[in-house]
C-alpha atoms as a PDB file:
ATOM      1  CA  MET A   1     -91.678  60.868 -22.518  1.00  0.00           C
ATOM      2  CA  GLY A   2     -92.040  57.227 -21.385  1.00  0.00           C
ATOM      3  CA  LYS A   3     -89.064  55.008 -20.788  1.00  0.00           C
ATOM      4  CA  THR A   4     -88.083  52.370 -23.268  1.00  0.00           C
ATOM      5  CA  LEU A   5     -88.419  48.742 -22.226  1.00  0.00           C
ATOM      6  CA  LYS A   6     -84.620  48.470 -22.217  1.00  0.00           C
ATOM      7  CA  GLU A   7     -84.333  51.440 -19.833  1.00  0.00           C
ATOM      8  CA  PHE A   8     -87.027  50.023 -17.571  1.00  0.00           C
ATOM      9  CA  LEU A   9     -85.328  46.640 -17.360  1.00  0.00           C
ATOM     10  CA  GLU A  10     -81.950  48.164 -16.598  1.00  0.00           C
ATOM     11  CA  GLU A  11     -83.409  50.431 -13.924  1.00  0.00           C
ATOM     12  CA  ASN A  12     -85.085  47.477 -12.182  1.00  0.00           C
ATOM     13  CA  HIS A  13     -82.097  45.111 -12.561  1.00  0.00           C
ATOM     14  CA  LEU A  14     -84.075  42.785 -14.823  1.00  0.00           C
ATOM     15  CA  THR A  15     -83.371  40.944 -18.041  1.00  0.00           C
ATOM     16  CA  LEU A  16     -85.763  39.288 -20.465  1.00  0.00           C
ATOM     17  CA  ASN A  17     -84.715  35.925 -19.016  1.00  0.00           C
ATOM     18  CA  ASP A  18     -85.676  36.892 -15.477  1.00  0.00           C
ATOM     19  CA  ASN A  19     -88.683  35.645 -13.558  1.00  0.00           C
ATOM     20  CA  ALA A  20     -91.747  36.395 -15.680  1.00  0.00           C
ATOM     21  CA  LYS A  21     -94.004  36.917 -12.689  1.00  0.00           C
ATOM     22  CA  LEU A  22     -91.672  39.550 -11.252  1.00  0.00           C
ATOM     23  CA  LEU A  23     -91.466  41.243 -14.640  1.00  0.00           C
ATOM     24  CA  PHE A  24     -95.263  41.300 -14.976  1.00  0.00           C
ATOM     25  CA  ASP A  25     -95.561  42.712 -11.437  1.00  0.00           C
ATOM     26  CA  LYS A  26     -93.102  45.486 -12.227  1.00  0.00           C
ATOM     27  CA  LEU A  27     -94.873  46.376 -15.476  1.00  0.00           C
ATOM     28  CA  GLY A  28     -98.357  46.140 -13.998  1.00  0.00           C
ATOM     29  CA  LEU A  29     -99.420  43.596 -16.621  1.00  0.00           C
ATOM     30  CA  PRO A  30    -102.107  40.910 -16.118  1.00  0.00           C
ATOM     31  CA  LYS A  31    -100.656  37.571 -15.058  1.00  0.00           C
ATOM     32  CA  ASP A  32    -103.488  35.287 -16.172  1.00  0.00           C
ATOM     33  CA  ILE A  33    -101.476  34.061 -19.168  1.00  0.00           C
ATOM     34  CA  LEU A  34     -98.476  33.050 -17.051  1.00  0.00           C
ATOM     35  CA  SER A  35     -99.802  29.592 -16.195  1.00  0.00           C
ATOM     36  CA  LYS A  36    -100.136  28.746 -19.891  1.00  0.00           C
ATOM     37  CA  LEU A  37     -96.645  30.048 -20.615  1.00  0.00           C
ATOM     38  CA  GLU A  38     -95.191  28.077 -17.703  1.00  0.00           C
ATOM     39  CA  GLU A  39     -96.931  24.871 -18.822  1.00  0.00           C
ATOM     40  CA  GLU A  40     -95.485  25.227 -22.309  1.00  0.00           C
ATOM     41  CA  TYR A  41     -92.034  26.610 -21.582  1.00  0.00           C
ATOM     42  CA  GLY A  42     -91.430  26.205 -17.825  1.00  0.00           C
ATOM     43  CA  LYS A  43     -89.331  28.627 -15.797  1.00  0.00           C
ATOM     44  CA  SER A  44     -85.617  28.819 -16.397  1.00  0.00           C
ATOM     45  CA  ASP A  45     -84.675  32.016 -14.563  1.00  0.00           C
ATOM     46  CA  LYS A  46     -81.785  32.032 -12.088  1.00  0.00           C
ATOM     47  CA  MET A  47     -82.158  33.737  -8.742  1.00  0.00           C
ATOM     48  CA  SER A  48     -79.614  36.420  -7.983  1.00  0.00           C
ATOM     49  CA  LYS A  49     -79.359  39.176  -5.390  1.00  0.00           C
ATOM     50  CA  SER A  50     -78.087  41.541  -8.080  1.00  0.00           C
ATOM     51  CA  LYS A  51     -81.271  40.956 -10.065  1.00  0.00           C
ATOM     52  CA  HIS A  52     -83.535  41.399  -7.015  1.00  0.00           C
ATOM     53  CA  ASN A  53     -85.424  38.214  -7.856  1.00  0.00           C
ATOM     54  CA  THR A  54     -84.535  36.008  -4.885  1.00  0.00           C
ATOM     55  CA  VAL A  55     -87.156  34.127  -2.890  1.00  0.00           C
ATOM     56  CA  ASP A  56     -87.731  35.247   0.686  1.00  0.00           C
ATOM     57  CA  PRO A  57     -87.459  32.040   2.781  1.00  0.00           C
ATOM     58  CA  ASP A  58     -89.399  33.566   5.687  1.00  0.00           C
ATOM     59  CA  GLU A  59     -92.274  34.399   3.347  1.00  0.00           C
ATOM     60  CA  MET A  60     -92.288  30.886   1.887  1.00  0.00           C
ATOM     61  CA  ILE A  61     -92.150  29.277   5.339  1.00  0.00           C
ATOM     62  CA  GLU A  62     -94.995  31.466   6.580  1.00  0.00           C
ATOM     63  CA  LYS A  63     -97.098  30.519   3.550  1.00  0.00           C
ATOM     64  CA  TYR A  64     -96.304  26.809   3.229  1.00  0.00           C
ATOM     65  CA  GLY A  65     -94.518  25.758   6.429  1.00  0.00           C
ATOM     66  CA  ALA A  66     -90.884  24.830   7.016  1.00  0.00           C
ATOM     67  CA  ASP A  67     -91.439  21.162   6.148  1.00  0.00           C
ATOM     68  CA  THR A  68     -92.824  21.988   2.700  1.00  0.00           C
ATOM     69  CA  VAL A  69     -89.978  24.362   1.876  1.00  0.00           C
ATOM     70  CA  ARG A  70     -87.341  21.896   3.072  1.00  0.00           C
ATOM     71  CA  LEU A  71     -88.956  19.027   1.155  1.00  0.00           C
ATOM     72  CA  TYR A  72     -89.122  21.049  -2.049  1.00  0.00           C
ATOM     73  CA  ILE A  73     -85.502  22.183  -1.843  1.00  0.00           C
ATOM     74  CA  LEU A  74     -84.262  18.633  -1.263  1.00  0.00           C
ATOM     75  CA  PHE A  75     -86.547  17.176  -3.932  1.00  0.00           C
ATOM     76  CA  ALA A  76     -85.814  19.749  -6.648  1.00  0.00           C
ATOM     77  CA  ALA A  77     -82.234  18.617  -7.341  1.00  0.00           C
ATOM     78  CA  PRO A  78     -79.255  16.721  -5.907  1.00  0.00           C
ATOM     79  CA  PRO A  79     -77.544  18.751  -3.156  1.00  0.00           C
ATOM     80  CA  GLU A  80     -74.504  19.569  -5.309  1.00  0.00           C
ATOM     81  CA  ASN A  81     -76.657  21.094  -8.088  1.00  0.00           C
ATOM     82  CA  ASN A  82     -78.329  24.451  -8.505  1.00  0.00           C
ATOM     83  CA  PHE A  83     -82.025  24.521  -9.309  1.00  0.00           C
ATOM     84  CA  ASP A  84     -84.686  26.953 -10.468  1.00  0.00           C
ATOM     85  CA  TRP A  85     -87.270  27.858  -7.842  1.00  0.00           C
ATOM     86  CA  THR A  86     -90.843  27.505  -9.103  1.00  0.00           C
ATOM     87  CA  ASP A  87     -94.111  28.239  -7.339  1.00  0.00           C
ATOM     88  CA  ALA A  88     -95.576  25.126  -8.951  1.00  0.00           C
ATOM     89  CA  GLY A  89     -92.794  23.023  -7.418  1.00  0.00           C
ATOM     90  CA  VAL A  90     -93.277  24.206  -3.846  1.00  0.00           C
ATOM     91  CA  GLU A  91     -97.048  23.913  -4.209  1.00  0.00           C
ATOM     92  CA  GLY A  92     -96.546  20.329  -5.409  1.00  0.00           C
ATOM     93  CA  ALA A  93     -94.495  19.540  -2.304  1.00  0.00           C
ATOM     94  CA  HIS A  94     -97.267  21.055  -0.185  1.00  0.00           C
ATOM     95  CA  ARG A  95     -99.909  18.918  -1.906  1.00  0.00           C
ATOM     96  CA  PHE A  96     -97.836  15.790  -1.362  1.00  0.00           C
ATOM     97  CA  LEU A  97     -97.581  16.401   2.388  1.00  0.00           C
ATOM     98  CA  LYS A  98    -101.336  16.981   2.502  1.00  0.00           C
ATOM     99  CA  ARG A  99    -101.818  13.610   0.786  1.00  0.00           C
ATOM    100  CA  VAL A 100     -99.637  11.919   3.399  1.00  0.00           C
ATOM    101  CA  TRP A 101    -101.554  13.642   6.195  1.00  0.00           C
ATOM    102  CA  ASN A 102    -104.937  12.754   4.697  1.00  0.00           C
ATOM    103  CA  ILE A 103    -104.283   9.074   4.028  1.00  0.00           C
ATOM    104  CA  ILE A 104    -103.068   8.510   7.578  1.00  0.00           C
ATOM    105  CA  LEU A 105    -105.940  10.419   9.151  1.00  0.00           C
ATOM    106  CA  GLU A 106    -108.476   8.635   6.952  1.00  0.00           C
ATOM    107  CA  ASN A 107    -107.244   5.290   8.308  1.00  0.00           C
ATOM    108  CA  LEU A 108    -106.411   6.410  11.849  1.00  0.00           C
ATOM    109  CA  GLU A 109    -109.213   4.553  13.611  1.00  0.00           C
ATOM    110  CA  LEU A 110    -108.343   1.414  11.663  1.00  0.00           C
ATOM    111  CA  ILE A 111    -104.684   1.300  12.724  1.00  0.00           C
ATOM    112  CA  LYS A 112    -104.252   3.341  15.915  1.00  0.00           C
ATOM    113  CA  ASP A 113    -104.250   0.488  18.469  1.00  0.00           C
ATOM    114  CA  VAL A 114    -102.956  -2.213  16.115  1.00  0.00           C
ATOM    115  CA  GLU A 115     -99.825  -4.202  16.963  1.00  0.00           C
ATOM    116  CA  TYR A 116     -98.014  -6.579  14.617  1.00  0.00           C
ATOM    117  CA  THR A 117     -95.097  -9.003  14.428  1.00  0.00           C
ATOM    118  CA  LYS A 118     -93.254 -10.479  11.479  1.00  0.00           C
ATOM    119  CA  GLU A 119     -95.273 -13.663  11.929  1.00  0.00           C
ATOM    120  CA  ASP A 120     -98.416 -11.722  11.008  1.00  0.00           C
ATOM    121  CA  PHE A 121     -97.072 -11.230   7.492  1.00  0.00           C
ATOM    122  CA  LYS A 122     -96.952 -14.883   6.476  1.00  0.00           C
ATOM    123  CA  ASN A 123     -99.545 -16.318   4.080  1.00  0.00           C
ATOM    124  CA  LEU A 124    -100.641 -12.907   2.848  1.00  0.00           C
ATOM    125  CA  SER A 125    -102.989 -12.291  -0.056  1.00  0.00           C
ATOM    126  CA  GLU A 126    -101.461 -11.275  -3.370  1.00  0.00           C
ATOM    127  CA  GLU A 127    -102.421  -7.612  -2.879  1.00  0.00           C
ATOM    128  CA  ASP A 128    -101.029  -7.552   0.664  1.00  0.00           C
ATOM    129  CA  GLN A 129     -97.770  -9.092  -0.532  1.00  0.00           C
ATOM    130  CA  LYS A 130     -97.537  -6.511  -3.307  1.00  0.00           C
ATOM    131  CA  ILE A 131     -98.002  -3.457  -1.077  1.00  0.00           C
ATOM    132  CA  ARG A 132     -95.660  -4.837   1.563  1.00  0.00           C
ATOM    133  CA  ARG A 133     -93.013  -5.571  -1.085  1.00  0.00           C
ATOM    134  CA  LYS A 134     -93.371  -2.008  -2.353  1.00  0.00           C
ATOM    135  CA  LEU A 135     -92.914  -0.706   1.197  1.00  0.00           C
ATOM    136  CA  HIS A 136     -89.686  -2.604   1.756  1.00  0.00           C
ATOM    137  CA  GLN A 137     -88.377  -1.839  -1.734  1.00  0.00           C
ATOM    138  CA  THR A 138     -88.875   1.824  -0.853  1.00  0.00           C
ATOM    139  CA  ILE A 139     -87.096   1.424   2.486  1.00  0.00           C
ATOM    140  CA  LYS A 140     -84.153  -0.195   0.701  1.00  0.00           C
ATOM    141  CA  LYS A 141     -84.058   2.512  -1.986  1.00  0.00           C
ATOM    142  CA  VAL A 142     -84.277   5.364   0.526  1.00  0.00           C
ATOM    143  CA  ASN A 143     -81.490   3.843   2.630  1.00  0.00           C
ATOM    144  CA  ASP A 144     -79.257   3.459  -0.415  1.00  0.00           C
ATOM    145  CA  ASP A 145     -79.977   6.948  -1.749  1.00  0.00           C
ATOM    146  CA  ILE A 146     -79.416   8.707   1.566  1.00  0.00           C
ATOM    147  CA  MET A 147     -76.629   6.696   3.165  1.00  0.00           C
ATOM    148  CA  ARG A 148     -74.495   5.935   0.116  1.00  0.00           C
ATOM    149  CA  ASN A 149     -75.148   8.614  -2.465  1.00  0.00           C
ATOM    150  CA  TYR A 150     -76.834  11.527  -0.629  1.00  0.00           C
ATOM    151  CA  GLN A 151     -79.422  11.547  -3.406  1.00  0.00           C
ATOM    152  CA  PHE A 152     -82.243  13.072  -1.384  1.00  0.00           C
ATOM    153  CA  ASN A 153     -84.294  13.897  -4.464  1.00  0.00           C
ATOM    154  CA  THR A 154     -84.543  10.296  -5.642  1.00  0.00           C
ATOM    155  CA  ALA A 155     -85.218   9.107  -2.080  1.00  0.00           C
ATOM    156  CA  ILE A 156     -88.157  11.509  -1.850  1.00  0.00           C
ATOM    157  CA  ALA A 157     -89.388  10.417  -5.286  1.00  0.00           C
ATOM    158  CA  SER A 158     -89.464   6.807  -4.063  1.00  0.00           C
ATOM    159  CA  ILE A 159     -91.488   7.824  -1.011  1.00  0.00           C
ATOM    160  CA  MET A 160     -93.948   9.627  -3.284  1.00  0.00           C
ATOM    161  CA  GLU A 161     -94.356   6.456  -5.349  1.00  0.00           C
ATOM    162  CA  LEU A 162     -95.081   4.498  -2.168  1.00  0.00           C
ATOM    163  CA  VAL A 163     -97.789   6.975  -1.143  1.00  0.00           C
ATOM    164  CA  ASN A 164     -99.406   6.553  -4.568  1.00  0.00           C
ATOM    165  CA  GLU A 165     -99.426   2.791  -4.075  1.00  0.00           C
ATOM    166  CA  LEU A 166    -100.959   3.161  -0.603  1.00  0.00           C
ATOM    167  CA  TYR A 167    -103.787   5.216  -2.082  1.00  0.00           C
ATOM    168  CA  SER A 168    -104.438   2.382  -4.546  1.00  0.00           C
ATOM    169  CA  TYR A 169    -104.335  -0.304  -1.848  1.00  0.00           C
ATOM    170  CA  LYS A 170    -107.887  -1.676  -1.563  1.00  0.00           C
ATOM    171  CA  ASN A 171    -107.558  -4.455   1.006  1.00  0.00           C
ATOM    172  CA  LYS A 172    -106.723  -2.053   3.865  1.00  0.00           C
ATOM    173  CA  SER A 173    -105.387  -4.710   6.234  1.00  0.00           C
ATOM    174  CA  PRO A 174    -104.873  -2.866   9.565  1.00  0.00           C
ATOM    175  CA  LYS A 175    -101.517  -4.534  10.256  1.00  0.00           C
ATOM    176  CA  ILE A 176    -100.218  -3.922   6.743  1.00  0.00           C
ATOM    177  CA  LEU A 177    -101.261  -0.264   6.939  1.00  0.00           C
ATOM    178  CA  LYS A 178     -99.811   0.195  10.423  1.00  0.00           C
ATOM    179  CA  GLU A 179     -96.424  -1.126   9.319  1.00  0.00           C
ATOM    180  CA  ALA A 180     -96.568   1.003   6.167  1.00  0.00           C
ATOM    181  CA  PHE A 181     -97.528   4.216   7.973  1.00  0.00           C
ATOM    182  CA  GLU A 182     -94.932   3.786  10.710  1.00  0.00           C
ATOM    183  CA  ASN A 183     -92.145   3.305   8.187  1.00  0.00           C
ATOM    184  CA  LEU A 184     -93.459   6.042   5.891  1.00  0.00           C
ATOM    185  CA  ILE A 185     -93.362   8.537   8.755  1.00  0.00           C
ATOM    186  CA  LEU A 186     -89.849   7.502   9.782  1.00  0.00           C
ATOM    187  CA  MET A 187     -88.606   7.793   6.195  1.00  0.00           C
ATOM    188  CA  LEU A 188     -90.084  11.284   5.910  1.00  0.00           C
ATOM    189  CA  SER A 189     -88.682  12.396   9.262  1.00  0.00           C
ATOM    190  CA  PRO A 190     -85.239  13.580   8.009  1.00  0.00           C
ATOM    191  CA  PHE A 191     -86.960  15.750   5.387  1.00  0.00           C
ATOM    192  CA  THR A 192     -90.108  16.879   7.209  1.00  0.00           C
ATOM    193  CA  PRO A 193     -89.539  16.447  10.964  1.00  0.00           C
ATOM    194  CA  PHE A 194     -92.454  18.561  12.194  1.00  0.00           C
ATOM    195  CA  ILE A 195     -95.229  16.787  10.329  1.00  0.00           C
ATOM    196  CA  ALA A 196     -93.503  13.430  10.952  1.00  0.00           C
ATOM    197  CA  ASP A 197     -93.486  13.935  14.722  1.00  0.00           C
ATOM    198  CA  GLU A 198     -97.128  15.063  14.698  1.00  0.00           C
ATOM    199  CA  LEU A 199     -98.237  12.030  12.678  1.00  0.00           C
ATOM    200  CA  TRP A 200     -96.085   9.757  14.850  1.00  0.00           C
ATOM    201  CA  ARG A 201     -98.040  10.753  17.936  1.00  0.00           C
ATOM    202  CA  LEU A 202    -101.369  10.601  16.104  1.00  0.00           C
ATOM    203  CA  ILE A 203    -100.853   6.928  15.228  1.00  0.00           C
ATOM    204  CA  GLY A 204    -100.214   6.185  18.902  1.00  0.00           C
ATOM    205  CA  LYS A 205     -96.426   6.273  19.117  1.00  0.00           C
ATOM    206  CA  GLU A 206     -94.504   8.050  21.876  1.00  0.00           C
ATOM    207  CA  GLY A 207     -91.677  10.573  21.748  1.00  0.00           C
ATOM    208  CA  TYR A 208     -90.062  11.939  18.603  1.00  0.00           C
ATOM    209  CA  THR A 209     -89.170  10.171  15.379  1.00  0.00           C
ATOM    210  CA  ILE A 210     -85.501  11.080  15.823  1.00  0.00           C
ATOM    211  CA  GLN A 211     -85.414   8.785  18.868  1.00  0.00           C
ATOM    212  CA  TYR A 212     -86.255   5.735  16.738  1.00  0.00           C
ATOM    213  CA  PRO A 213     -84.022   3.737  14.374  1.00  0.00           C
ATOM    214  CA  PHE A 214     -84.315   4.469  10.696  1.00  0.00           C
ATOM    215  CA  PRO A 215     -86.228   1.677   8.890  1.00  0.00           C
ATOM    216  CA  GLU A 216     -84.385  -1.324   7.512  1.00  0.00           C
ATOM    217  CA  PRO A 217     -85.892  -3.485   4.757  1.00  0.00           C
ATOM    218  CA  ASP A 218     -87.255  -6.941   5.426  1.00  0.00           C
ATOM    219  CA  GLU A 219     -85.271  -8.971   2.899  1.00  0.00           C
ATOM    220  CA  GLU A 220     -87.902 -11.699   2.866  1.00  0.00           C
ATOM    221  CA  ALA A 221     -90.582  -9.195   1.880  1.00  0.00           C
ATOM    222  CA  LEU A 222     -88.452  -8.133  -1.111  1.00  0.00           C
ATOM    223  CA  ILE A 223     -88.678 -11.583  -2.670  1.00  0.00           C
ATOM    224  CA  GLU A 224     -91.289 -11.678  -5.416  1.00  0.00           C
ATOM    225  CA  LYS A 225     -93.314 -14.852  -5.072  1.00  0.00           C
ATOM    226  CA  THR A 226     -95.530 -14.098  -8.071  1.00  0.00           C
ATOM    227  CA  LYS A 227     -95.205 -12.079 -11.265  1.00  0.00           C
ATOM    228  CA  GLU A 228     -97.830 -10.359 -13.362  1.00  0.00           C
ATOM    229  CA  ILE A 229     -97.116 -11.140 -16.999  1.00  0.00           C
ATOM    230  CA  PRO A 230     -98.714  -9.215 -19.888  1.00  0.00           C
ATOM    231  CA  VAL A 231     -99.921 -11.529 -22.646  1.00  0.00           C
ATOM    232  CA  GLN A 232     -99.798 -10.171 -26.189  1.00  0.00           C
ATOM    233  CA  ILE A 233    -101.695 -11.677 -29.096  1.00  0.00           C
ATOM    234  CA  ASN A 234    -100.056 -10.665 -32.387  1.00  0.00           C
ATOM    235  CA  GLY A 235     -98.304  -7.792 -30.634  1.00  0.00           C
ATOM    236  CA  LYS A 236    -101.287  -6.349 -28.701  1.00  0.00           C
ATOM    237  CA  VAL A 237    -101.752  -6.854 -24.970  1.00  0.00           C
ATOM    238  CA  ARG A 238    -104.977  -8.779 -24.450  1.00  0.00           C
ATOM    239  CA  ALA A 239    -104.580  -9.983 -20.865  1.00  0.00           C
ATOM    240  CA  LYS A 240    -102.382 -10.057 -17.786  1.00  0.00           C
ATOM    241  CA  ILE A 241    -101.820 -13.267 -15.884  1.00  0.00           C
ATOM    242  CA  THR A 242    -100.308 -13.931 -12.483  1.00  0.00           C
ATOM    243  CA  VAL A 243     -97.850 -16.817 -12.256  1.00  0.00           C
ATOM    244  CA  PRO A 244     -95.198 -17.987  -9.758  1.00  0.00           C
ATOM    245  CA  ALA A 245     -92.070 -15.855 -10.077  1.00  0.00           C
ATOM    246  CA  ASP A 246     -90.020 -18.885 -11.101  1.00  0.00           C
ATOM    247  CA  ALA A 247     -92.598 -20.272 -13.559  1.00  0.00           C
ATOM    248  CA  SER A 248     -91.175 -21.873 -16.683  1.00  0.00           C
ATOM    249  CA  GLU A 249     -92.157 -20.855 -20.197  1.00  0.00           C
ATOM    250  CA  GLU A 250     -94.356 -23.943 -20.511  1.00  0.00           C
ATOM    251  CA  GLU A 251     -96.186 -23.100 -17.262  1.00  0.00           C
ATOM    252  CA  VAL A 252     -96.748 -19.505 -18.333  1.00  0.00           C
ATOM    253  CA  ILE A 253     -98.097 -20.534 -21.740  1.00  0.00           C
ATOM    254  CA  GLU A 254    -100.386 -23.112 -20.146  1.00  0.00           C
ATOM    255  CA  THR A 255    -101.767 -20.520 -17.717  1.00  0.00           C
ATOM    256  CA  ALA A 256    -102.196 -17.959 -20.479  1.00  0.00           C
ATOM    257  CA  LEU A 257    -104.145 -20.310 -22.750  1.00  0.00           C
ATOM    258  CA  LYS A 258    -106.622 -20.972 -19.917  1.00  0.00           C
ATOM    259  CA  ASN A 259    -107.290 -17.273 -19.497  1.00  0.00           C
ATOM    260  CA  GLU A 260    -110.703 -16.253 -20.883  1.00  0.00           C
ATOM    261  CA  SER A 261    -109.433 -13.067 -22.482  1.00  0.00           C
ATOM    262  CA  VAL A 262    -106.625 -14.965 -24.204  1.00  0.00           C
ATOM    263  CA  LYS A 263    -108.983 -17.739 -25.335  1.00  0.00           C
ATOM    264  CA  LYS A 264    -111.167 -15.123 -26.995  1.00  0.00           C
ATOM    265  CA  TRP A 265    -108.286 -14.275 -29.359  1.00  0.00           C
ATOM    266  CA  THR A 266    -106.800 -17.749 -29.826  1.00  0.00           C
ATOM    267  CA  ASP A 267    -109.749 -20.167 -30.018  1.00  0.00           C
ATOM    268  CA  GLY A 268    -110.108 -21.583 -33.520  1.00  0.00           C
ATOM    269  CA  LYS A 269    -106.795 -20.124 -34.623  1.00  0.00           C
ATOM    270  CA  GLN A 270    -103.409 -21.662 -35.229  1.00  0.00           C
ATOM    271  CA  ILE A 271    -100.639 -20.676 -32.828  1.00  0.00           C
ATOM    272  CA  VAL A 272     -97.675 -19.988 -35.090  1.00  0.00           C
ATOM    273  CA  LYS A 273     -95.147 -19.324 -32.337  1.00  0.00           C
ATOM    274  CA  THR A 274     -94.712 -17.975 -28.819  1.00  0.00           C
ATOM    275  CA  ILE A 275     -92.123 -15.493 -27.628  1.00  0.00           C
ATOM    276  CA  PHE A 276     -91.485 -15.475 -23.891  1.00  0.00           C
ATOM    277  CA  ILE A 277     -89.213 -13.125 -21.968  1.00  0.00           C
ATOM    278  CA  LYS A 278     -88.958 -14.541 -18.458  1.00  0.00           C
ATOM    279  CA  GLY A 279     -90.668 -12.393 -15.867  1.00  0.00           C
ATOM    280  CA  LYS A 280     -91.539  -9.768 -18.483  1.00  0.00           C
ATOM    281  CA  ILE A 281     -93.945 -10.696 -21.254  1.00  0.00           C
ATOM    282  CA  LEU A 282     -95.502 -13.493 -23.346  1.00  0.00           C
ATOM    283  CA  ASN A 283     -96.330 -12.896 -27.002  1.00  0.00           C
ATOM    284  CA  ILE A 284     -98.488 -15.407 -28.852  1.00  0.00           C
ATOM    285  CA  VAL A 285     -98.553 -15.217 -32.634  1.00  0.00           C
ATOM    286  CA  VAL A 286    -101.676 -16.680 -34.270  1.00  0.00           C
ATOM    287  CA  LYS A 287    -103.184 -16.827 -37.711  1.00  0.00           C
END
């Protein structure tokens, strides 16, 4: 006579809340529906030696590399918290490191022999200013999170945001990219030292990242010289305008009314009122 499900679970030290993949493996059931279940419900099982559902670190390191495993563990939760191990999470960390590797290699010939000084970053285009500001905002955030609060997960999240911005950066100024890549690698070094050291040498630097100072933000780069302001017409965004960061309400309205997209919705209509939140948004009410 076959065992009951309850007997099977007890014999294999499992509960219904345990890792679904392990349960499916034990029962010999197809696992093709797991991805849908995980997308809808996620995984909430706790690892425990008594339940025989722990993750083998050697197996994970062999599959993904030590840097990926370390990055995932530090990114998953603050160091004082427990977290649930998920295959999707470690695979996401692996994909992120591949993105870092790829963007640097794709631009390697452009930046490898480039040198720069702070003087090179004066009179930059709007896009160059924006990406450089994002770089130094990230450096500041990572410093604060690591040095003051030991919040490695939020530091890593900030670095991920920077990488996304670098992928969107169209101008590809060699000096801007060289500064960004150097600092990106140094910020990643405490979390992923092996890939950081390899990339460090690939971009033409000597030695190991641990021998170099951790990045410090350029306070001047943090200053926003311009702001992008959404312009709403009767509550719907119809345009975005770029104005000096300290522009007055009158200057913003004047710039907005010269914008072709705004003119399309305001020409021939009466402006009833304007609502301006400095540095945030302009709403024009017409009838």
